[in-house]
N, C-alpha and C. Protein backbone atom coordinates (compact mmCIF):
# COMPACT_ATOMS: atom_id res chain seq x y z
N MET A 1 0.84 -1.18 0.00
CA MET A 1 0.00 0.00 0.00
C MET A 1 0.89 1.25 0.00
N PRO A 2 0.61 2.21 -0.88
CA PRO A 2 1.44 3.42 -0.95
C PRO A 2 1.33 4.27 0.33
N VAL A 3 2.42 4.89 0.68
CA VAL A 3 2.46 5.79 1.83
C VAL A 3 2.06 7.18 1.34
N PRO A 4 1.15 7.88 2.08
CA PRO A 4 0.70 9.20 1.62
C PRO A 4 1.84 10.18 1.31
N SER A 5 2.89 10.18 2.13
CA SER A 5 3.98 11.11 1.87
C SER A 5 4.72 10.78 0.57
N ASP A 6 4.80 9.48 0.23
CA ASP A 6 5.42 9.09 -1.04
C ASP A 6 4.58 9.58 -2.22
N ILE A 7 3.26 9.47 -2.09
CA ILE A 7 2.36 9.94 -3.15
C ILE A 7 2.49 11.45 -3.31
N GLY A 8 2.57 12.16 -2.19
CA GLY A 8 2.72 13.62 -2.24
C GLY A 8 4.01 14.04 -2.91
N ARG A 9 5.11 13.38 -2.56
CA ARG A 9 6.39 13.71 -3.20
C ARG A 9 6.35 13.41 -4.70
N GLU A 10 5.67 12.33 -5.07
CA GLU A 10 5.55 12.00 -6.49
C GLU A 10 4.71 13.04 -7.22
N ALA A 11 3.64 13.52 -6.59
CA ALA A 11 2.80 14.57 -7.20
C ALA A 11 3.62 15.84 -7.42
N ILE A 12 4.44 16.20 -6.45
CA ILE A 12 5.29 17.39 -6.58
C ILE A 12 6.29 17.20 -7.71
N ARG A 13 6.89 16.01 -7.78
CA ARG A 13 7.87 15.73 -8.84
C ARG A 13 7.22 15.85 -10.22
N ILE A 14 6.04 15.29 -10.37
CA ILE A 14 5.34 15.34 -11.66
C ILE A 14 5.00 16.79 -12.01
N ALA A 15 4.49 17.55 -11.04
CA ALA A 15 4.13 18.95 -11.29
C ALA A 15 5.35 19.75 -11.73
N ARG A 16 6.50 19.51 -11.08
CA ARG A 16 7.73 20.22 -11.46
C ARG A 16 8.16 19.84 -12.87
N THR A 17 8.07 18.56 -13.18
CA THR A 17 8.45 18.08 -14.51
C THR A 17 7.59 18.75 -15.59
N LEU A 18 6.31 18.90 -15.29
CA LEU A 18 5.38 19.53 -16.24
C LEU A 18 5.44 21.05 -16.21
N GLY A 19 6.14 21.61 -15.22
CA GLY A 19 6.19 23.06 -15.08
C GLY A 19 4.86 23.63 -14.61
N ASP A 20 4.09 22.83 -13.87
CA ASP A 20 2.76 23.23 -13.39
C ASP A 20 2.87 23.73 -11.95
N ARG A 21 3.14 25.02 -11.81
CA ARG A 21 3.35 25.60 -10.48
C ARG A 21 2.10 25.49 -9.60
N SER A 22 0.91 25.64 -10.17
CA SER A 22 -0.31 25.56 -9.39
C SER A 22 -0.46 24.20 -8.72
N THR A 23 -0.27 23.14 -9.49
CA THR A 23 -0.37 21.79 -8.93
C THR A 23 0.74 21.54 -7.92
N GLU A 24 1.92 22.07 -8.19
CA GLU A 24 3.03 21.91 -7.25
C GLU A 24 2.72 22.55 -5.90
N VAL A 25 2.15 23.76 -5.93
CA VAL A 25 1.82 24.46 -4.68
C VAL A 25 0.77 23.68 -3.89
N VAL A 26 -0.27 23.23 -4.55
CA VAL A 26 -1.33 22.49 -3.86
C VAL A 26 -0.79 21.17 -3.31
N ALA A 27 -0.01 20.44 -4.10
CA ALA A 27 0.56 19.18 -3.64
C ALA A 27 1.51 19.41 -2.47
N THR A 28 2.26 20.50 -2.52
CA THR A 28 3.17 20.84 -1.43
C THR A 28 2.39 21.13 -0.16
N SER A 29 1.26 21.83 -0.28
CA SER A 29 0.42 22.10 0.89
C SER A 29 -0.08 20.81 1.51
N TYR A 30 -0.63 19.93 0.68
CA TYR A 30 -1.17 18.67 1.21
C TYR A 30 -0.09 17.80 1.84
N LEU A 31 1.09 17.79 1.24
CA LEU A 31 2.19 17.02 1.83
C LEU A 31 2.61 17.65 3.16
N GLY A 32 2.60 18.98 3.21
CA GLY A 32 2.89 19.67 4.48
C GLY A 32 1.89 19.30 5.55
N PHE A 33 0.58 19.25 5.19
CA PHE A 33 -0.45 18.85 6.15
C PHE A 33 -0.20 17.43 6.65
N THR A 34 0.22 16.55 5.75
CA THR A 34 0.49 15.16 6.12
C THR A 34 1.60 15.10 7.17
N HIS A 35 2.69 15.82 6.92
CA HIS A 35 3.80 15.83 7.88
C HIS A 35 3.37 16.47 9.20
N LEU A 36 2.59 17.52 9.13
CA LEU A 36 2.11 18.18 10.34
C LEU A 36 1.27 17.22 11.18
N ALA A 37 0.36 16.50 10.54
CA ALA A 37 -0.50 15.55 11.25
C ALA A 37 0.31 14.42 11.89
N ARG A 38 1.44 14.10 11.30
CA ARG A 38 2.29 13.03 11.83
C ARG A 38 3.27 13.55 12.87
N GLY A 39 3.22 14.86 13.14
CA GLY A 39 4.13 15.45 14.12
C GLY A 39 5.53 15.69 13.59
N GLU A 40 5.69 15.65 12.28
CA GLU A 40 6.98 15.87 11.64
C GLU A 40 7.08 17.35 11.28
N PHE A 41 7.31 18.17 12.31
CA PHE A 41 7.22 19.62 12.16
C PHE A 41 8.28 20.21 11.25
N ARG A 42 9.49 19.71 11.33
CA ARG A 42 10.56 20.27 10.47
C ARG A 42 10.24 20.06 9.00
N GLU A 43 9.78 18.87 8.65
CA GLU A 43 9.42 18.58 7.26
C GLU A 43 8.24 19.45 6.82
N ALA A 44 7.24 19.58 7.71
CA ALA A 44 6.08 20.41 7.39
C ALA A 44 6.50 21.86 7.17
N ALA A 45 7.35 22.39 8.03
CA ALA A 45 7.80 23.77 7.91
C ALA A 45 8.52 24.00 6.59
N THR A 46 9.38 23.07 6.22
CA THR A 46 10.12 23.19 4.96
C THR A 46 9.16 23.29 3.77
N LEU A 47 8.12 22.48 3.78
CA LEU A 47 7.16 22.48 2.68
C LEU A 47 6.34 23.77 2.66
N PHE A 48 5.83 24.19 3.81
CA PHE A 48 5.04 25.42 3.85
C PHE A 48 5.89 26.63 3.48
N GLU A 49 7.17 26.63 3.86
CA GLU A 49 8.07 27.73 3.50
C GLU A 49 8.22 27.84 1.98
N ARG A 50 8.22 26.72 1.28
CA ARG A 50 8.29 26.77 -0.19
C ARG A 50 7.12 27.55 -0.78
N ASN A 51 5.94 27.35 -0.20
CA ASN A 51 4.75 28.02 -0.72
C ASN A 51 4.70 29.49 -0.31
N VAL A 52 5.41 29.86 0.74
CA VAL A 52 5.42 31.24 1.21
C VAL A 52 6.42 32.08 0.42
N ALA A 53 7.41 31.43 -0.19
CA ALA A 53 8.42 32.15 -0.98
C ALA A 53 7.73 32.88 -2.13
N PRO A 54 8.22 34.06 -2.49
CA PRO A 54 7.60 34.84 -3.58
C PRO A 54 7.50 34.03 -4.87
N GLN A 55 6.31 34.04 -5.46
CA GLN A 55 6.09 33.30 -6.71
C GLN A 55 5.31 34.12 -7.73
N GLY A 56 5.22 35.41 -7.54
CA GLY A 56 4.53 36.25 -8.52
C GLY A 56 3.03 36.34 -8.29
N GLU A 57 2.32 36.62 -9.36
CA GLU A 57 0.88 36.85 -9.29
C GLU A 57 0.09 35.66 -8.78
N ALA A 58 0.54 34.46 -9.06
CA ALA A 58 -0.20 33.26 -8.65
C ALA A 58 -0.32 33.13 -7.14
N SER A 59 0.44 33.91 -6.39
CA SER A 59 0.43 33.78 -4.94
C SER A 59 -0.89 34.21 -4.32
N THR A 60 -1.73 34.95 -5.03
CA THR A 60 -3.02 35.36 -4.49
C THR A 60 -4.17 34.55 -5.07
N ASP A 61 -3.86 33.51 -5.79
CA ASP A 61 -4.87 32.68 -6.44
C ASP A 61 -5.25 31.51 -5.52
N ARG A 62 -6.46 31.01 -5.70
CA ARG A 62 -6.94 29.85 -4.94
C ARG A 62 -6.41 28.53 -5.51
N LEU A 63 -5.97 28.56 -6.75
CA LEU A 63 -5.37 27.40 -7.42
C LEU A 63 -6.28 26.17 -7.36
N GLY A 64 -7.58 26.41 -7.52
CA GLY A 64 -8.53 25.30 -7.55
C GLY A 64 -8.93 24.78 -6.19
N THR A 65 -8.54 25.48 -5.13
CA THR A 65 -8.88 25.05 -3.78
C THR A 65 -9.82 26.09 -3.15
N THR A 66 -10.20 25.87 -1.91
CA THR A 66 -11.12 26.79 -1.25
C THR A 66 -10.42 27.96 -0.57
N GLY A 67 -9.11 27.96 -0.53
CA GLY A 67 -8.38 29.04 0.13
C GLY A 67 -7.24 29.55 -0.71
N ILE A 68 -6.82 30.77 -0.45
CA ILE A 68 -5.66 31.34 -1.13
C ILE A 68 -4.43 30.65 -0.55
N GLN A 69 -3.71 29.94 -1.39
CA GLN A 69 -2.64 29.07 -0.91
C GLN A 69 -1.54 29.81 -0.16
N LEU A 70 -1.23 31.05 -0.53
CA LEU A 70 -0.23 31.80 0.21
C LEU A 70 -0.70 31.99 1.65
N ALA A 71 -1.94 32.40 1.84
CA ALA A 71 -2.47 32.62 3.18
C ALA A 71 -2.56 31.32 3.96
N VAL A 72 -3.02 30.26 3.32
CA VAL A 72 -3.13 28.96 3.98
C VAL A 72 -1.76 28.48 4.43
N SER A 73 -0.78 28.58 3.54
CA SER A 73 0.57 28.12 3.88
C SER A 73 1.18 28.96 5.00
N LYS A 74 0.95 30.27 4.97
CA LYS A 74 1.46 31.12 6.05
C LYS A 74 0.83 30.74 7.39
N ALA A 75 -0.47 30.48 7.39
CA ALA A 75 -1.15 30.11 8.63
C ALA A 75 -0.62 28.79 9.18
N TRP A 76 -0.47 27.79 8.32
CA TRP A 76 0.03 26.50 8.78
C TRP A 76 1.50 26.59 9.17
N LEU A 77 2.28 27.41 8.47
CA LEU A 77 3.68 27.60 8.86
C LEU A 77 3.75 28.26 10.23
N ALA A 78 2.91 29.24 10.49
CA ALA A 78 2.89 29.88 11.81
C ALA A 78 2.54 28.85 12.88
N ASP A 79 1.60 27.96 12.59
CA ASP A 79 1.24 26.91 13.53
C ASP A 79 2.43 25.99 13.81
N VAL A 80 3.11 25.58 12.75
CA VAL A 80 4.28 24.71 12.92
C VAL A 80 5.35 25.41 13.75
N LEU A 81 5.62 26.67 13.41
CA LEU A 81 6.66 27.40 14.13
C LEU A 81 6.29 27.59 15.61
N SER A 82 5.01 27.79 15.88
CA SER A 82 4.60 27.94 17.28
C SER A 82 4.73 26.62 18.03
N GLU A 83 4.47 25.51 17.35
CA GLU A 83 4.62 24.19 17.96
C GLU A 83 6.07 23.86 18.27
N THR A 84 6.98 24.45 17.51
CA THR A 84 8.40 24.14 17.67
C THR A 84 9.14 25.26 18.40
N ALA A 85 8.38 26.17 19.00
CA ALA A 85 8.97 27.29 19.76
C ALA A 85 9.93 28.09 18.89
N ALA A 86 9.46 28.49 17.73
CA ALA A 86 10.27 29.29 16.81
C ALA A 86 10.61 30.64 17.44
N SER A 87 11.67 31.21 16.96
CA SER A 87 12.09 32.51 17.47
C SER A 87 11.13 33.60 16.98
N PRO A 88 11.05 34.72 17.70
CA PRO A 88 10.21 35.84 17.24
C PRO A 88 10.59 36.32 15.84
N CYS A 89 11.87 36.21 15.49
CA CYS A 89 12.32 36.63 14.16
C CYS A 89 11.70 35.75 13.08
N GLN A 90 11.65 34.44 13.33
CA GLN A 90 11.03 33.53 12.37
C GLN A 90 9.55 33.83 12.22
N MET A 91 8.88 34.09 13.33
CA MET A 91 7.45 34.39 13.28
C MET A 91 7.20 35.71 12.56
N ALA A 92 8.05 36.70 12.79
CA ALA A 92 7.90 38.01 12.16
C ALA A 92 8.07 37.93 10.65
N SER A 93 8.87 36.98 10.20
CA SER A 93 9.10 36.87 8.75
C SER A 93 7.82 36.53 8.00
N LEU A 94 6.83 36.00 8.68
CA LEU A 94 5.56 35.67 8.02
C LEU A 94 4.75 36.91 7.69
N ASN A 95 5.05 38.02 8.34
CA ASN A 95 4.29 39.26 8.13
C ASN A 95 4.95 40.21 7.15
N ARG A 96 6.02 39.80 6.52
CA ARG A 96 6.68 40.68 5.54
C ARG A 96 5.75 40.93 4.37
N PRO A 97 5.71 42.16 3.88
CA PRO A 97 4.85 42.46 2.72
C PRO A 97 5.34 41.75 1.47
N ARG A 98 4.42 41.41 0.60
CA ARG A 98 4.76 40.76 -0.67
C ARG A 98 5.29 41.79 -1.64
N ARG A 99 6.17 41.38 -2.52
CA ARG A 99 6.70 42.28 -3.55
C ARG A 99 6.08 41.97 -4.86
């Protein structure tokens, strides 16, 4: 039986191969949720940070989901950082204005 995290990594790999940033962002979010639910905070943070990095106009799009992925990823990243006792500097970086 396939492991959910393996399926998520495969979805990200396929999206990158196809150059489909929207699918990559959504797959990255879901894989981050999987790691978060398993208590794998470092892995979850790494994935959510990818989605928070500047990506242009698509960052305000819902990308076929019910939420704006930039906002969703920032919220989940803040949760992960709070669970891991992140420094105030790390938490403050989530509030930087977009360029």
